[in-house]
Protein backbone atom coordinates (compact mmCIF):
# COMPACT_ATOMS: atom_id res chain seq x y z
CA MET A 1 -83.73 30.12 -33.27
CA ASN A 2 -84.79 27.73 -36.00
CA ARG A 3 -82.38 25.45 -37.83
CA THR A 4 -82.08 27.62 -41.01
CA THR A 5 -81.43 30.80 -39.03
CA ARG A 6 -78.80 28.99 -36.94
CA ARG A 7 -76.98 27.76 -40.09
CA ILE A 8 -77.03 31.23 -41.65
CA THR A 9 -75.71 32.75 -38.41
CA GLN A 10 -72.93 30.14 -38.23
CA ALA A 11 -71.97 30.79 -41.87
CA VAL A 12 -71.83 34.56 -41.30
CA ILE A 13 -69.68 34.12 -38.19
CA ALA A 14 -67.33 31.69 -39.97
CA GLY A 15 -67.00 34.04 -42.95
CA SER A 16 -66.27 36.99 -40.67
CA MET A 17 -63.62 35.03 -38.78
CA ALA A 18 -61.95 34.00 -42.06
CA ALA A 19 -61.91 37.60 -43.27
CA VAL A 20 -60.35 38.81 -40.01
CA SER A 21 -57.66 36.10 -40.14
CA LEU A 22 -56.79 37.01 -43.74
CA LEU A 23 -56.44 40.68 -42.83
CA THR A 24 -54.28 39.77 -39.86
CA LEU A 25 -52.00 37.59 -42.00
CA ALA A 26 -51.62 39.99 -44.87
CA GLY A 27 -51.15 43.26 -42.96
CA SER A 28 -51.26 46.38 -45.06
CA ALA A 29 -50.31 46.59 -48.69
CA ALA A 30 -47.51 48.72 -50.02
CA ALA A 31 -49.34 50.52 -52.80
CA GLY A 32 -47.43 50.77 -56.07
CA SER A 33 -43.92 51.88 -55.15
CA THR A 34 -42.46 52.43 -51.71
CA THR A 35 -38.91 53.02 -50.43
CA GLU A 36 -39.17 50.33 -47.76
CA LEU A 37 -41.45 47.60 -46.53
CA SER A 38 -42.20 47.67 -42.80
CA ARG A 39 -43.10 44.66 -40.66
CA GLY A 40 -46.66 43.58 -41.35
CA GLU A 41 -46.72 45.09 -44.85
CA TYR A 42 -46.78 43.15 -48.09
CA LEU A 43 -46.17 43.41 -51.83
CA SER A 44 -48.60 41.98 -54.36
CA PRO A 45 -47.91 42.04 -58.10
CA PRO A 46 -46.91 44.55 -59.51
CA SER A 47 -45.82 46.43 -56.32
CA GLU A 48 -42.19 47.28 -55.66
CA VAL A 49 -39.67 48.64 -53.17
CA ILE A 50 -37.41 51.23 -54.80
CA LYS A 51 -34.09 52.94 -54.12
CA ARG A 52 -33.34 56.28 -55.77
CA ASP A 53 -29.88 57.71 -56.42
CA SER A 54 -28.74 61.13 -55.17
CA SER A 55 -30.29 62.77 -58.25
CA GLY A 56 -33.69 61.25 -57.50
CA HIS A 57 -33.58 58.74 -60.35
CA MET A 58 -34.55 55.12 -59.84
CA ALA A 59 -31.40 53.12 -59.07
CA TYR A 60 -32.82 49.76 -57.88
CA SER A 61 -36.20 48.12 -57.49
CA LEU A 62 -37.42 44.97 -55.77
CA GLN A 63 -40.49 43.94 -57.76
CA MET A 64 -43.18 41.39 -56.97
CA GLN A 65 -43.83 40.41 -60.58
CA PRO A 66 -47.08 39.08 -62.08
CA ASP A 67 -45.31 35.76 -62.83
CA GLY A 68 -44.75 35.23 -59.08
CA ASN A 69 -41.02 36.03 -59.04
CA LEU A 70 -39.61 38.53 -56.54
CA VAL A 71 -36.76 40.24 -58.42
CA LEU A 72 -34.16 42.90 -57.56
CA TYR A 73 -33.35 45.04 -60.61
CA ARG A 74 -30.70 47.66 -61.33
CA TRP A 75 -31.81 50.75 -63.26
CA GLU A 76 -29.60 52.96 -65.44
CA ASN A 77 -30.58 56.07 -67.38
CA GLY A 78 -34.26 55.62 -66.53
CA SER A 79 -34.46 52.04 -67.83
CA ARG A 80 -34.25 48.66 -66.18
CA SER A 81 -30.70 47.44 -66.82
CA HIS A 82 -30.53 43.90 -65.43
CA ALA A 83 -31.70 41.54 -62.71
CA CYS A 84 -29.35 41.29 -59.73
CA TRP A 85 -31.22 38.64 -57.74
CA ALA A 86 -34.47 36.64 -57.89
CA SER A 87 -36.43 34.41 -55.51
CA GLY A 88 -36.90 31.76 -58.23
CA THR A 89 -40.67 31.71 -57.76
CA TYR A 90 -41.45 32.64 -61.39
CA TRP A 91 -43.57 29.50 -61.79
CA ALA A 92 -46.16 30.60 -59.20
CA GLY A 93 -48.12 33.16 -61.25
CA ASP A 94 -49.93 36.20 -59.92
CA LYS A 95 -51.50 34.49 -56.90
CA VAL A 96 -48.55 35.42 -54.68
CA PHE A 97 -47.56 38.08 -52.20
CA ALA A 98 -44.37 38.86 -50.30
CA THR A 99 -44.71 39.95 -46.68
CA TYR A 100 -42.28 41.16 -44.04
CA GLN A 101 -43.72 39.32 -41.07
CA ASP A 102 -43.74 40.58 -37.49
CA ASP A 103 -41.33 37.74 -36.59
CA GLY A 104 -38.65 39.23 -38.90
CA ASN A 105 -39.00 36.74 -41.76
CA PHE A 106 -39.60 38.00 -45.32
CA VAL A 107 -41.75 35.38 -47.07
CA VAL A 108 -43.39 34.82 -50.47
CA TYR A 109 -46.72 33.00 -50.10
CA LEU A 110 -48.87 31.31 -52.72
CA ARG A 111 -52.61 32.03 -52.46
CA ASN A 112 -53.77 28.63 -53.66
CA GLY A 113 -57.13 28.26 -51.96
CA ALA A 114 -55.75 26.07 -49.16
CA PRO A 115 -56.70 26.97 -45.58
CA LYS A 116 -53.07 27.84 -44.88
CA TRP A 117 -51.15 29.36 -47.78
CA PRO A 118 -47.80 27.66 -48.44
CA ALA A 119 -44.57 29.63 -48.21
CA ILE A 120 -42.65 29.24 -51.48
CA TRP A 121 -39.60 31.34 -50.53
CA ALA A 122 -38.30 32.79 -47.25
CA SER A 123 -35.35 34.92 -46.15
CA ASN A 124 -34.88 32.78 -43.01
CA THR A 125 -34.50 35.87 -40.84
CA VAL A 126 -36.92 34.93 -38.02
CA GLY A 127 -35.96 36.84 -34.88
CA GLY A 128 -33.66 39.20 -36.76
CA ALA A 129 -33.20 42.83 -35.76
CA GLY A 130 -34.40 45.74 -37.85
CA SER A 131 -37.77 47.03 -38.91
CA ASN A 132 -37.91 47.09 -42.71
CA VAL A 133 -36.99 45.54 -46.04
CA SER A 134 -34.90 48.02 -48.02
CA ILE A 135 -32.21 48.42 -50.67
CA ASN A 136 -29.01 50.35 -49.99
CA SER A 137 -27.12 52.60 -52.42
CA GLN A 138 -24.99 49.65 -53.70
CA GLY A 139 -28.07 47.56 -54.48
CA VAL A 140 -27.82 45.27 -51.46
CA LEU A 141 -31.23 43.97 -50.37
CA TYR A 142 -31.65 44.05 -46.58
CA VAL A 143 -34.24 42.25 -44.51
CA GLY A 144 -34.00 44.11 -41.23
CA LEU A 145 -30.27 44.43 -40.57
CA LYS A 146 -29.33 41.29 -42.52
CA PRO A 147 -28.08 41.58 -46.12
CA ILE A 148 -29.86 39.03 -48.33
CA THR A 149 -27.91 39.81 -51.51
CA GLY A 150 -24.51 41.18 -52.39
CA PRO A 151 -23.95 44.46 -54.25
CA CYS A 152 -25.62 44.71 -57.62
């Protein structure tokens, strides 16, 4: 194998390994709206986790916003009423995603071009029980079995 062919082969292998590691980190996306986020899934702007009331109307939503903030909203009469909780990551812009990791931690990462994306918010629930991120009927955000917020 000549030198040019070897360099091309090495570049292709390195690129393939990077792509596989990114897919492994990110898991599968929750497209649009979902009622829960399972381990290994993630939210990118403008995806959301929703909770409907007994009539089927939207009651609460956890939105990964284009400004980078992860926000829990209350809905009334078909309209967003108010924010109940926020991660405070509004400064990060749209290069973020929130993922419920296999270790039980729910984390917002910044895709900033670095080899390892920095975590800019975390639920600190590593090792916790449960299998999803969800919102209950009182607007409490749960990561696994741990409540992250109070009632909304």
